Protein backbone atom coordinates (compact mmCIF):
# COMPACT_ATOMS: atom_id res chain seq x y z
CA MET A 1 0.00 0.00 0.00
CA ASN A 2 2.90 2.40 0.69
CA HIS A 3 3.95 2.43 -2.96
CA ILE A 4 0.52 3.83 -3.94
CA ARG A 5 0.89 6.76 -1.54
CA ILE A 6 4.29 7.62 -3.02
CA ALA A 7 3.17 7.21 -6.65
CA ALA A 8 0.13 9.51 -6.41
CA PRO A 9 2.09 12.71 -5.57
CA ALA A 10 4.70 11.84 -8.19
CA LEU A 11 2.00 11.39 -10.84
CA ALA A 12 0.35 14.67 -9.86
CA ALA A 13 3.66 16.52 -10.11
CA ALA A 14 4.38 15.00 -13.55
CA PHE A 15 0.92 15.97 -14.78
CA LEU A 16 1.35 19.56 -13.59
CA ALA A 17 4.77 19.75 -15.23
CA MET A 18 3.21 18.80 -18.58
CA ALA A 19 -0.06 20.73 -18.29
CA LEU A 20 1.28 24.02 -16.94
CA PRO A 21 3.23 25.11 -20.06
CA VAL A 22 0.18 24.34 -22.24
CA ALA A 23 -2.12 26.35 -19.96
CA VAL A 24 0.33 29.29 -19.83
CA ARG A 25 0.74 29.27 -23.61
CA ALA A 26 -3.06 29.18 -24.11
CA ALA A 27 -3.55 32.07 -21.70
CA THR A 28 -0.87 34.27 -23.29
CA THR A 29 -1.39 33.51 -27.02
CA PRO A 30 -4.34 35.33 -28.58
CA ASN A 31 -6.44 32.99 -30.65
CA ALA A 32 -6.90 33.54 -34.38
CA ALA A 33 -10.57 34.47 -34.03
CA SER A 34 -9.77 37.38 -31.72
CA GLU A 35 -7.11 38.52 -34.21
CA VAL A 36 -9.73 38.60 -36.98
CA VAL A 37 -12.08 40.61 -34.77
CA ALA A 38 -9.25 43.04 -33.94
CA CYS A 39 -8.71 43.64 -37.69
CA LYS A 40 -12.18 45.16 -37.96
CA LYS A 41 -11.00 48.15 -35.91
CA ILE A 42 -8.33 49.19 -38.46
CA ALA A 43 -9.52 52.24 -40.41
CA ASP A 44 -7.18 52.02 -43.41
CA ARG A 45 -8.60 49.58 -45.98
CA ASP A 46 -5.27 48.21 -47.20
CA GLN A 47 -3.94 47.67 -43.67
CA ARG A 48 -7.27 46.09 -42.62
CA LEU A 49 -7.15 43.70 -45.61
CA ALA A 50 -3.55 42.76 -44.83
CA CYS A 51 -4.57 42.13 -41.21
CA PHE A 52 -7.46 39.89 -42.32
CA ASP A 53 -5.18 37.95 -44.67
CA LYS A 54 -2.61 37.41 -41.93
CA SER A 55 -5.15 36.45 -39.27
CA SER A 56 -7.01 34.09 -41.64
CA ASP A 57 -3.80 32.06 -41.89
CA GLY A 58 -3.99 31.67 -38.11
CA LEU A 59 -7.62 30.57 -38.37
CA GLU A 60 -6.72 28.00 -40.98
CA ALA A 61 -3.94 26.64 -38.78
CA GLU A 62 -6.31 26.40 -35.79
CA MET A 63 -8.90 24.61 -37.92
CA LYS A 64 -6.28 22.06 -38.98
CA LYS A 65 -5.35 21.47 -35.32
CA VAL A 66 -9.02 20.92 -34.45
CA GLU A 67 -9.46 18.52 -37.38
CA ALA A 68 -6.34 16.62 -36.34
CA THR A 69 -7.71 16.30 -32.82
CA PHE A 70 -11.43 15.71 -33.46
CA GLY A 71 -11.62 14.70 -37.14
CA SER A 72 -13.11 16.64 -40.03
CA PRO A 73 -16.66 17.98 -39.84
CA PRO A 74 -19.39 15.95 -41.55
CA SER A 75 -19.71 16.70 -45.25
CA VAL A 76 -22.77 18.37 -46.70
CA LYS A 77 -24.13 17.02 -49.97
CA ALA A 78 -24.40 19.56 -52.80
CA ASP A 79 -28.09 18.88 -53.39
CA GLN A 80 -28.87 19.51 -49.73
CA THR A 81 -27.17 22.89 -49.95
CA GLU A 82 -28.94 23.81 -53.19
CA ALA A 83 -32.30 22.65 -51.85
CA THR A 84 -32.06 24.95 -48.86
CA PHE A 85 -30.11 27.81 -50.47
CA GLY A 86 -31.84 31.13 -49.88
CA LYS A 87 -34.68 29.53 -47.95
CA HIS A 88 -35.71 31.28 -44.80
CA GLU A 89 -37.30 28.72 -42.55
CA PRO A 90 -39.63 30.12 -39.90
CA PRO A 91 -38.93 28.97 -36.37
CA PRO A 92 -40.82 25.84 -35.36
CA PRO A 93 -44.17 26.47 -33.68
CA PRO A 94 -44.18 26.32 -29.89
CA VAL A 95 -44.98 22.93 -28.45
CA ALA A 96 -48.53 22.84 -27.14
CA ALA A 97 -49.15 21.68 -23.63
CA GLU A 98 -50.37 18.10 -23.48
CA LEU A 99 -54.14 17.82 -23.25
CA ASP A 100 -55.81 15.93 -20.44
CA ASN A 101 -58.94 15.34 -22.50
CA ILE A 102 -60.96 16.47 -25.50
CA GLN A 103 -64.64 17.23 -25.63
CA SER A 104 -66.83 17.06 -28.70
CA ARG A 105 -70.26 15.94 -29.84
CA ILE A 106 -71.00 12.53 -31.31
CA VAL A 107 -72.05 12.92 -34.95
CA SER A 108 -72.60 9.22 -35.64
CA MET A 109 -72.10 5.79 -34.21
CA ARG A 110 -71.82 2.52 -36.15
CA PRO A 111 -70.71 -0.98 -35.22
CA ASP A 112 -67.41 -2.39 -36.46
CA PRO A 113 -67.30 -5.96 -37.91
CA ALA A 114 -66.99 -7.38 -34.38
CA GLY A 115 -70.02 -5.39 -33.19
CA ARG A 116 -68.05 -2.85 -31.14
CA PRO A 117 -69.27 0.75 -31.40
CA VAL A 118 -67.29 3.22 -33.53
CA PHE A 119 -67.87 6.89 -32.72
CA THR A 120 -67.41 9.76 -35.18
CA LEU A 121 -67.04 13.05 -33.36
CA GLU A 122 -67.91 16.55 -34.50
CA ASN A 123 -64.19 17.44 -34.60
CA GLY A 124 -63.61 14.71 -37.23
CA GLN A 125 -61.97 12.17 -34.94
CA VAL A 126 -63.09 8.53 -35.09
CA TRP A 127 -62.76 6.38 -31.97
CA ARG A 128 -63.44 2.62 -31.79
CA SER A 129 -64.45 0.89 -28.59
CA GLN A 130 -62.24 -2.01 -27.52
CA GLU A 131 -65.14 -3.66 -25.78
CA ASN A 132 -68.60 -4.80 -26.83
CA ALA A 133 -71.19 -2.44 -25.47
CA ARG A 134 -74.78 -1.59 -26.24
CA ILE A 135 -75.20 2.15 -26.31
CA HIS A 136 -78.35 3.95 -27.37
CA LEU A 137 -77.82 7.51 -28.53
CA LYS A 138 -80.49 10.15 -28.76
CA GLY A 139 -78.32 12.23 -31.11
CA GLY A 140 -75.79 14.98 -30.49
CA GLU A 141 -74.61 13.68 -27.13
CA SER A 142 -71.41 15.12 -25.76
CA ALA A 143 -68.38 12.90 -25.54
CA THR A 144 -65.24 13.27 -23.47
CA VAL A 145 -62.09 11.32 -24.40
CA SER A 146 -59.41 11.23 -21.73
CA HIS A 147 -56.35 9.23 -20.73
CA SER A 148 -57.12 5.99 -18.92
CA MET A 149 -56.31 5.70 -15.24
CA LEU A 150 -52.90 4.14 -15.83
CA GLY A 151 -52.16 6.32 -18.86
CA MET A 152 -51.96 3.26 -21.11
CA GLY A 153 -54.88 4.14 -23.38
CA TYR A 154 -57.98 6.28 -23.67
CA GLN A 155 -61.46 6.28 -22.24
CA LEU A 156 -64.58 7.70 -23.90
CA GLN A 157 -67.49 8.82 -21.78
CA VAL A 158 -70.78 9.60 -23.48
CA GLY A 159 -72.83 12.38 -21.90
CA ASP A 160 -73.39 11.77 -18.21
CA MET A 161 -73.06 7.98 -18.34
CA SER A 162 -71.71 6.48 -15.15
CA TYR A 163 -69.10 4.43 -17.02
CA SER A 164 -66.66 4.92 -19.84
CA LEU A 165 -65.46 2.75 -22.69
CA SER A 166 -61.86 1.87 -23.50
CA VAL A 167 -61.24 3.27 -27.00
CA VAL A 168 -58.53 3.58 -29.66
CA ARG A 169 -58.36 6.32 -32.22
CA GLU A 170 -58.87 5.23 -35.81
CA ARG A 171 -58.70 8.65 -37.47
């Protein structure tokens, strides 16, 4: 165990000896991007252009170092660039909050081949019962579709019925 206690400080000292010169050099050497930004402040056009040319060489060298370390960036296919060239894409719409339920009126009800009721709602949605049930509609009843108790499906309640049906959305 004693050799581990001796090796840990020696390893830490060796690491600091290697890392310190790199950290000092990084802190004292301006990066190429800041050199390009500094060129913008030069009033004389010829001197500013010369500054940009010189600092772009530094940018190119830094890019090569990054590529050597992390690999080259993924390539972009020409047709992808042409397809999106000049296109201004609007930002994506905000994500709506998840609904707890929907309410609509029942427009029609028909049985499926197995005899289970299929409900067409006023909003255009079609919901099929997963269970056989005999329901008599007067016409225009309200319907509420909500998540089931365990969140594993949906329940449809017609009007003020005391029970609900397990349903799946068909359309």
